Amino acid sequence: MSVIDIQIHIPAVEYRKHYRAPGATVLARATDGRSVSLPAGVLQRFVTHDGVHGLFRVEIDAAGRLRSIVRL
């Protein structure tokens, strides 16, 4: 299992406009410089009236599948 910390800043208007569509993905840069692609739907529970903002820890299994995401 791999743990990756990513910083995400998506304003609410942008999230509603671009990321609510089925199959939408979010590209983010990990704190170690790697690029990470996530299904936008996993961020839905973190959306506030300001959008999605913060540092998140993502756990990925050996096959590259998302296991969990939490806001730090």
PDB file of N, CA and C in Angstrom:
ATOM      1  N   MET A   1       0.847  -1.174   0.000  1.00  0.00           N
ATOM      2  CA  MET A   1       0.000   0.000   0.000  1.00  0.00           C
ATOM      3  C   MET A   1       0.893   1.239   0.000  1.00  0.00           C
ATOM      4  N   SER A   2       0.453   2.250  -0.727  1.00  0.00           N
ATOM      5  CA  SER A   2       1.200   3.492  -0.846  1.00  0.00           C
ATOM      6  C   SER A   2       0.374   4.630  -0.251  1.00  0.00           C
ATOM      7  N   VAL A   3       1.042   5.539   0.436  1.00  0.00           N
ATOM      8  CA  VAL A   3       0.380   6.706   1.023  1.00  0.00           C
ATOM      9  C   VAL A   3       0.926   7.944   0.332  1.00  0.00           C
ATOM     10  N   ILE A   4       0.014   8.792  -0.135  1.00  0.00           N
ATOM     11  CA  ILE A   4       0.392  10.002  -0.863  1.00  0.00           C
ATOM     12  C   ILE A   4      -0.368  11.172  -0.257  1.00  0.00           C
ATOM     13  N   ASP A   5       0.338  12.260   0.046  1.00  0.00           N
ATOM     14  CA  ASP A   5      -0.304  13.482   0.530  1.00  0.00           C
ATOM     15  C   ASP A   5      -0.424  14.446  -0.643  1.00  0.00           C
ATOM     16  N   ILE A   6      -1.628  14.991  -0.814  1.00  0.00           N
ATOM     17  CA  ILE A   6      -1.870  15.927  -1.922  1.00  0.00           C
ATOM     18  C   ILE A   6      -2.560  17.178  -1.402  1.00  0.00           C
ATOM     19  N   GLN A   7      -2.254  18.284  -2.034  1.00  0.00           N
ATOM     20  CA  GLN A   7      -2.881  19.561  -1.719  1.00  0.00           C
ATOM     21  C   GLN A   7      -3.931  19.827  -2.800  1.00  0.00           C
ATOM     22  N   ILE A   8      -5.153  20.131  -2.386  1.00  0.00           N
ATOM     23  CA  ILE A   8      -6.227  20.389  -3.353  1.00  0.00           C
ATOM     24  C   ILE A   8      -6.887  21.728  -3.035  1.00  0.00           C
ATOM     25  N   HIS A   9      -7.084  22.523  -4.078  1.00  0.00           N
ATOM     26  CA  HIS A   9      -7.802  23.790  -3.961  1.00  0.00           C
ATOM     27  C   HIS A   9      -8.688  23.931  -5.192  1.00  0.00           C
ATOM     28  N   ILE A  10      -9.970  23.657  -5.012  1.00  0.00           N
ATOM     29  CA  ILE A  10     -10.939  23.773  -6.104  1.00  0.00           C
ATOM     30  C   ILE A  10     -12.098  24.639  -5.603  1.00  0.00           C
ATOM     31  N   PRO A  11     -12.291  25.825  -6.177  1.00  0.00           N
ATOM     32  CA  PRO A  11     -13.426  26.655  -5.776  1.00  0.00           C
ATOM     33  C   PRO A  11     -14.752  25.936  -6.040  1.00  0.00           C
ATOM     34  N   ALA A  12     -15.771  26.259  -5.263  1.00  0.00           N
ATOM     35  CA  ALA A  12     -17.075  25.592  -5.371  1.00  0.00           C
ATOM     36  C   ALA A  12     -17.659  25.692  -6.777  1.00  0.00           C
ATOM     37  N   VAL A  13     -17.577  26.858  -7.379  1.00  0.00           N
ATOM     38  CA  VAL A  13     -18.135  27.050  -8.719  1.00  0.00           C
ATOM     39  C   VAL A  13     -17.447  26.128  -9.716  1.00  0.00           C
ATOM     40  N   GLU A  14     -16.140  26.021  -9.623  1.00  0.00           N
ATOM     41  CA  GLU A  14     -15.390  25.152 -10.537  1.00  0.00           C
ATOM     42  C   GLU A  14     -15.747  23.681 -10.299  1.00  0.00           C
ATOM     43  N   TYR A  15     -15.861  23.294  -9.033  1.00  0.00           N
ATOM     44  CA  TYR A  15     -16.207  21.899  -8.744  1.00  0.00           C
ATOM     45  C   TYR A  15     -17.566  21.554  -9.344  1.00  0.00           C
ATOM     46  N   ARG A  16     -18.551  22.412  -9.119  1.00  0.00           N
ATOM     47  CA  ARG A  16     -19.894  22.145  -9.662  1.00  0.00           C
ATOM     48  C   ARG A  16     -19.899  22.133 -11.186  1.00  0.00           C
ATOM     49  N   LYS A  17     -19.131  23.007 -11.776  1.00  0.00           N
ATOM     50  CA  LYS A  17     -19.120  23.142 -13.231  1.00  0.00           C
ATOM     51  C   LYS A  17     -18.416  21.975 -13.925  1.00  0.00           C
ATOM     52  N   HIS A  18     -17.279  21.544 -13.392  1.00  0.00           N
ATOM     53  CA  HIS A  18     -16.442  20.590 -14.100  1.00  0.00           C
ATOM     54  C   HIS A  18     -16.418  19.178 -13.537  1.00  0.00           C
ATOM     55  N   TYR A  19     -16.544  19.047 -12.240  1.00  0.00           N
ATOM     56  CA  TYR A  19     -16.220  17.772 -11.612  1.00  0.00           C
ATOM     57  C   TYR A  19     -17.413  16.927 -11.178  1.00  0.00           C
ATOM     58  N   ARG A  20     -18.627  17.384 -11.378  1.00  0.00           N
ATOM     59  CA  ARG A  20     -19.782  16.597 -10.969  1.00  0.00           C
ATOM     60  C   ARG A  20     -20.234  15.619 -12.035  1.00  0.00           C
ATOM     61  N   ALA A  21     -19.687  15.723 -13.211  1.00  0.00           N
ATOM     62  CA  ALA A  21     -20.051  14.819 -14.312  1.00  0.00           C
ATOM     63  C   ALA A  21     -19.525  13.412 -14.018  1.00  0.00           C
ATOM     64  N   PRO A  22     -20.292  12.403 -14.404  1.00  0.00           N
ATOM     65  CA  PRO A  22     -19.811  11.024 -14.219  1.00  0.00           C
ATOM     66  C   PRO A  22     -18.480  10.820 -14.951  1.00  0.00           C
ATOM     67  N   GLY A  23     -17.557  10.168 -14.284  1.00  0.00           N
ATOM     68  CA  GLY A  23     -16.260   9.891 -14.898  1.00  0.00           C
ATOM     69  C   GLY A  23     -15.260  11.021 -14.818  1.00  0.00           C
ATOM     70  N   ALA A  24     -15.641  12.145 -14.216  1.00  0.00           N
ATOM     71  CA  ALA A  24     -14.718  13.277 -14.102  1.00  0.00           C
ATOM     72  C   ALA A  24     -13.570  12.924 -13.168  1.00  0.00           C
ATOM     73  N   THR A  25     -12.397  13.454 -13.470  1.00  0.00           N
ATOM     74  CA  THR A  25     -11.228  13.209 -12.633  1.00  0.00           C
ATOM     75  C   THR A  25     -10.614  14.526 -12.182  1.00  0.00           C
ATOM     76  N   VAL A  26      -9.912  14.453 -11.075  1.00  0.00           N
ATOM     77  CA  VAL A  26      -9.178  15.589 -10.533  1.00  0.00           C
ATOM     78  C   VAL A  26      -7.698  15.240 -10.610  1.00  0.00           C
ATOM     79  N   LEU A  27      -6.919  16.127 -11.183  1.00  0.00           N
ATOM     80  CA  LEU A  27      -5.469  15.959 -11.214  1.00  0.00           C
ATOM     81  C   LEU A  27      -4.881  16.833 -10.122  1.00  0.00           C
ATOM     82  N   ALA A  28      -4.012  16.248  -9.311  1.00  0.00           N
ATOM     83  CA  ALA A  28      -3.396  16.986  -8.214  1.00  0.00           C
ATOM     84  C   ALA A  28      -1.915  16.650  -8.158  1.00  0.00           C
ATOM     85  N   ARG A  29      -1.168  17.531  -7.546  1.00  0.00           N
ATOM     86  CA  ARG A  29       0.266  17.318  -7.369  1.00  0.00           C
ATOM     87  C   ARG A  29       0.493  16.891  -5.923  1.00  0.00           C
ATOM     88  N   ALA A  30       1.176  15.761  -5.752  1.00  0.00           N
ATOM     89  CA  ALA A  30       1.506  15.267  -4.416  1.00  0.00           C
ATOM     90  C   ALA A  30       2.609  16.127  -3.814  1.00  0.00           C
ATOM     91  N   THR A  31       2.726  16.110  -2.506  1.00  0.00           N
ATOM     92  CA  THR A  31       3.761  16.898  -1.846  1.00  0.00           C
ATOM     93  C   THR A  31       5.162  16.440  -2.232  1.00  0.00           C
ATOM     94  N   ASP A  32       5.299  15.210  -2.721  1.00  0.00           N
ATOM     95  CA  ASP A  32       6.600  14.715  -3.170  1.00  0.00           C
ATOM     96  C   ASP A  32       6.829  14.937  -4.663  1.00  0.00           C
ATOM     97  N   GLY A  33       5.896  15.644  -5.331  1.00  0.00           N
ATOM     98  CA  GLY A  33       6.067  16.003  -6.736  1.00  0.00           C
ATOM     99  C   GLY A  33       5.358  15.118  -7.734  1.00  0.00           C
ATOM    100  N   ARG A  34       4.853  13.968  -7.304  1.00  0.00           N
ATOM    101  CA  ARG A  34       4.136  13.078  -8.231  1.00  0.00           C
ATOM    102  C   ARG A  34       2.798  13.687  -8.629  1.00  0.00           C
ATOM    103  N   SER A  35       2.318  13.309  -9.822  1.00  0.00           N
ATOM    104  CA  SER A  35       0.974  13.678 -10.262  1.00  0.00           C
ATOM    105  C   SER A  35       0.019  12.567  -9.872  1.00  0.00           C
ATOM    106  N   VAL A  36      -1.141  12.960  -9.365  1.00  0.00           N
ATOM    107  CA  VAL A  36      -2.132  11.996  -8.901  1.00  0.00           C
ATOM    108  C   VAL A  36      -3.462  12.320  -9.576  1.00  0.00           C
ATOM    109  N   SER A  37      -4.109  11.293 -10.103  1.00  0.00           N
ATOM    110  CA  SER A  37      -5.425  11.436 -10.714  1.00  0.00           C
ATOM    111  C   SER A  37      -6.439  10.685  -9.851  1.00  0.00           C
ATOM    112  N   LEU A  38      -7.492  11.382  -9.448  1.00  0.00           N
ATOM    113  CA  LEU A  38      -8.527  10.798  -8.593  1.00  0.00           C
ATOM    114  C   LEU A  38      -9.896  10.952  -9.241  1.00  0.00           C
ATOM    115  N   PRO A  39     -10.791  10.000  -9.016  1.00  0.00           N
ATOM    116  CA  PRO A  39     -12.174  10.219  -9.457  1.00  0.00           C
ATOM    117  C   PRO A  39     -12.750  11.390  -8.656  1.00  0.00           C
ATOM    118  N   ALA A  40     -13.334  12.344  -9.321  1.00  0.00           N
ATOM    119  CA  ALA A  40     -13.848  13.547  -8.656  1.00  0.00           C
ATOM    120  C   ALA A  40     -14.889  13.217  -7.598  1.00  0.00           C
ATOM    121  N   GLY A  41     -15.624  12.159  -7.787  1.00  0.00           N
ATOM    122  CA  GLY A  41     -16.680  11.796  -6.850  1.00  0.00           C
ATOM    123  C   GLY A  41     -16.190  11.511  -5.441  1.00  0.00           C
ATOM    124  N   VAL A  42     -14.931  11.084  -5.277  1.00  0.00           N
ATOM    125  CA  VAL A  42     -14.427  10.790  -3.933  1.00  0.00           C
ATOM    126  C   VAL A  42     -14.259  12.057  -3.106  1.00  0.00           C
ATOM    127  N   LEU A  43     -14.264  13.210  -3.767  1.00  0.00           N
ATOM    128  CA  LEU A  43     -14.123  14.476  -3.055  1.00  0.00           C
ATOM    129  C   LEU A  43     -15.459  15.063  -2.623  1.00  0.00           C
ATOM    130  N   GLN A  44     -16.553  14.486  -3.070  1.00  0.00           N
ATOM    131  CA  GLN A  44     -17.884  15.043  -2.810  1.00  0.00           C
ATOM    132  C   GLN A  44     -18.118  15.299  -1.317  1.00  0.00           C
ATOM    133  N   ARG A  45     -17.696  14.398  -0.458  1.00  0.00           N
ATOM    134  CA  ARG A  45     -17.950  14.570   0.976  1.00  0.00           C
ATOM    135  C   ARG A  45     -17.113  15.675   1.604  1.00  0.00           C
ATOM    136  N   PHE A  46     -16.121  16.195   0.869  1.00  0.00           N
ATOM    137  CA  PHE A  46     -15.276  17.269   1.378  1.00  0.00           C
ATOM    138  C   PHE A  46     -15.667  18.639   0.822  1.00  0.00           C
ATOM    139  N   VAL A  47     -16.669  18.703  -0.039  1.00  0.00           N
ATOM    140  CA  VAL A  47     -17.084  19.965  -0.654  1.00  0.00           C
ATOM    141  C   VAL A  47     -17.831  20.808   0.376  1.00  0.00           C
ATOM    142  N   THR A  48     -17.402  22.047   0.532  1.00  0.00           N
ATOM    143  CA  THR A  48     -18.092  23.016   1.387  1.00  0.00           C
ATOM    144  C   THR A  48     -18.609  24.136   0.496  1.00  0.00           C
ATOM    145  N   HIS A  49     -19.193  25.150   1.090  1.00  0.00           N
ATOM    146  CA  HIS A  49     -19.674  26.274   0.281  1.00  0.00           C
ATOM    147  C   HIS A  49     -18.520  26.999  -0.414  1.00  0.00           C
ATOM    148  N   ASP A  50     -17.287  26.808   0.074  1.00  0.00           N
ATOM    149  CA  ASP A  50     -16.102  27.402  -0.550  1.00  0.00           C
ATOM    150  C   ASP A  50     -15.455  26.493  -1.584  1.00  0.00           C
ATOM    151  N   GLY A  51     -15.881  25.239  -1.659  1.00  0.00           N
ATOM    152  CA  GLY A  51     -15.288  24.275  -2.579  1.00  0.00           C
ATOM    153  C   GLY A  51     -14.562  23.180  -1.823  1.00  0.00           C
ATOM    154  N   VAL A  52     -13.481  22.678  -2.420  1.00  0.00           N
ATOM    155  CA  VAL A  52     -12.661  21.639  -1.793  1.00  0.00           C
ATOM    156  C   VAL A  52     -11.267  22.222  -1.595  1.00  0.00           C
ATOM    157  N   HIS A  53     -10.852  22.306  -0.348  1.00  0.00           N
ATOM    158  CA  HIS A  53      -9.554  22.896  -0.036  1.00  0.00           C
ATOM    159  C   HIS A  53      -8.909  22.119   1.094  1.00  0.00           C
ATOM    160  N   GLY A  54      -7.607  21.892   0.981  1.00  0.00           N
ATOM    161  CA  GLY A  54      -6.880  21.294   2.085  1.00  0.00           C
ATOM    162  C   GLY A  54      -5.834  20.291   1.653  1.00  0.00           C
ATOM    163  N   LEU A  55      -5.206  19.726   2.670  1.00  0.00           N
ATOM    164  CA  LEU A  55      -4.215  18.680   2.482  1.00  0.00           C
ATOM    165  C   LEU A  55      -4.906  17.352   2.740  1.00  0.00           C
ATOM    166  N   PHE A  56      -4.756  16.423   1.823  1.00  0.00           N
ATOM    167  CA  PHE A  56      -5.437  15.130   1.897  1.00  0.00           C
ATOM    168  C   PHE A  56      -4.410  14.008   1.853  1.00  0.00           C
ATOM    169  N   ARG A  57      -4.696  12.945   2.576  1.00  0.00           N
ATOM    170  CA  ARG A  57      -3.876  11.740   2.522  1.00  0.00           C
ATOM    171  C   ARG A  57      -4.650  10.681   1.757  1.00  0.00           C
ATOM    172  N   VAL A  58      -4.028  10.171   0.708  1.00  0.00           N
ATOM    173  CA  VAL A  58      -4.623   9.162  -0.154  1.00  0.00           C
ATOM    174  C   VAL A  58      -3.863   7.856   0.045  1.00  0.00           C
ATOM    175  N   GLU A  59      -4.602   6.769   0.241  1.00  0.00           N
ATOM    176  CA  GLU A  59      -3.985   5.441   0.318  1.00  0.00           C
ATOM    177  C   GLU A  59      -4.368   4.668  -0.931  1.00  0.00           C
ATOM    178  N   ILE A  60      -3.351   4.101  -1.576  1.00  0.00           N
ATOM    179  CA  ILE A  60      -3.539   3.370  -2.823  1.00  0.00           C
ATOM    180  C   ILE A  60      -2.986   1.963  -2.635  1.00  0.00           C
ATOM    181  N   ASP A  61      -3.746   0.961  -3.097  1.00  0.00           N
ATOM    182  CA  ASP A  61      -3.285  -0.423  -2.945  1.00  0.00           C
ATOM    183  C   ASP A  61      -2.234  -0.763  -4.006  1.00  0.00           C
ATOM    184  N   ALA A  62      -1.712  -1.959  -3.926  1.00  0.00           N
ATOM    185  CA  ALA A  62      -0.635  -2.392  -4.830  1.00  0.00           C
ATOM    186  C   ALA A  62      -1.059  -2.388  -6.298  1.00  0.00           C
ATOM    187  N   ALA A  63      -2.364  -2.523  -6.559  1.00  0.00           N
ATOM    188  CA  ALA A  63      -2.873  -2.511  -7.929  1.00  0.00           C
ATOM    189  C   ALA A  63      -3.153  -1.092  -8.435  1.00  0.00           C
ATOM    190  N   GLY A  64      -2.897  -0.075  -7.601  1.00  0.00           N
ATOM    191  CA  GLY A  64      -3.124   1.306  -8.004  1.00  0.00           C
ATOM    192  C   GLY A  64      -4.526   1.814  -7.760  1.00  0.00           C
ATOM    193  N   ARG A  65      -5.332   1.042  -7.018  1.00  0.00           N
ATOM    194  CA  ARG A  65      -6.702   1.460  -6.724  1.00  0.00           C
ATOM    195  C   ARG A  65      -6.761   2.260  -5.433  1.00  0.00           C
ATOM    196  N   LEU A  66      -7.630   3.241  -5.423  1.00  0.00           N
ATOM    197  CA  LEU A  66      -7.841   4.078  -4.250  1.00  0.00           C
ATOM    198  C   LEU A  66      -8.436   3.264  -3.117  1.00  0.00           C
ATOM    199  N   ARG A  67      -7.793   3.279  -1.970  1.00  0.00           N
ATOM    200  CA  ARG A  67      -8.304   2.581  -0.782  1.00  0.00           C
ATOM    201  C   ARG A  67      -9.026   3.550   0.144  1.00  0.00           C
ATOM    202  N   SER A  68      -8.445   4.753   0.343  1.00  0.00           N
ATOM    203  CA  SER A  68      -9.084   5.731   1.221  1.00  0.00           C
ATOM    204  C   SER A  68      -8.529   7.122   0.935  1.00  0.00           C
ATOM    205  N   ILE A  69      -9.300   8.113   1.362  1.00  0.00           N
ATOM    206  CA  ILE A  69      -8.858   9.505   1.307  1.00  0.00           C
ATOM    207  C   ILE A  69      -9.392  10.206   2.544  1.00  0.00           C
ATOM    208  N   VAL A  70      -8.523  10.928   3.231  1.00  0.00           N
ATOM    209  CA  VAL A  70      -8.910  11.684   4.423  1.00  0.00           C
ATOM    210  C   VAL A  70      -8.280  13.060   4.358  1.00  0.00           C
ATOM    211  N   ARG A  71      -8.995  14.032   4.931  1.00  0.00           N
ATOM    212  CA  ARG A  71      -8.434  15.375   5.027  1.00  0.00           C
ATOM    213  C   ARG A  71      -7.555  15.426   6.278  1.00  0.00           C
ATOM    214  N   LEU A  72      -6.366  15.968   6.118  1.00  0.00           N
ATOM    215  CA  LEU A  72      -5.445  16.089   7.261  1.00  0.00           C
ATOM    216  C   LEU A  72      -5.622  17.410   7.966  1.00  0.00           C
TER     217      LEU A  72
END
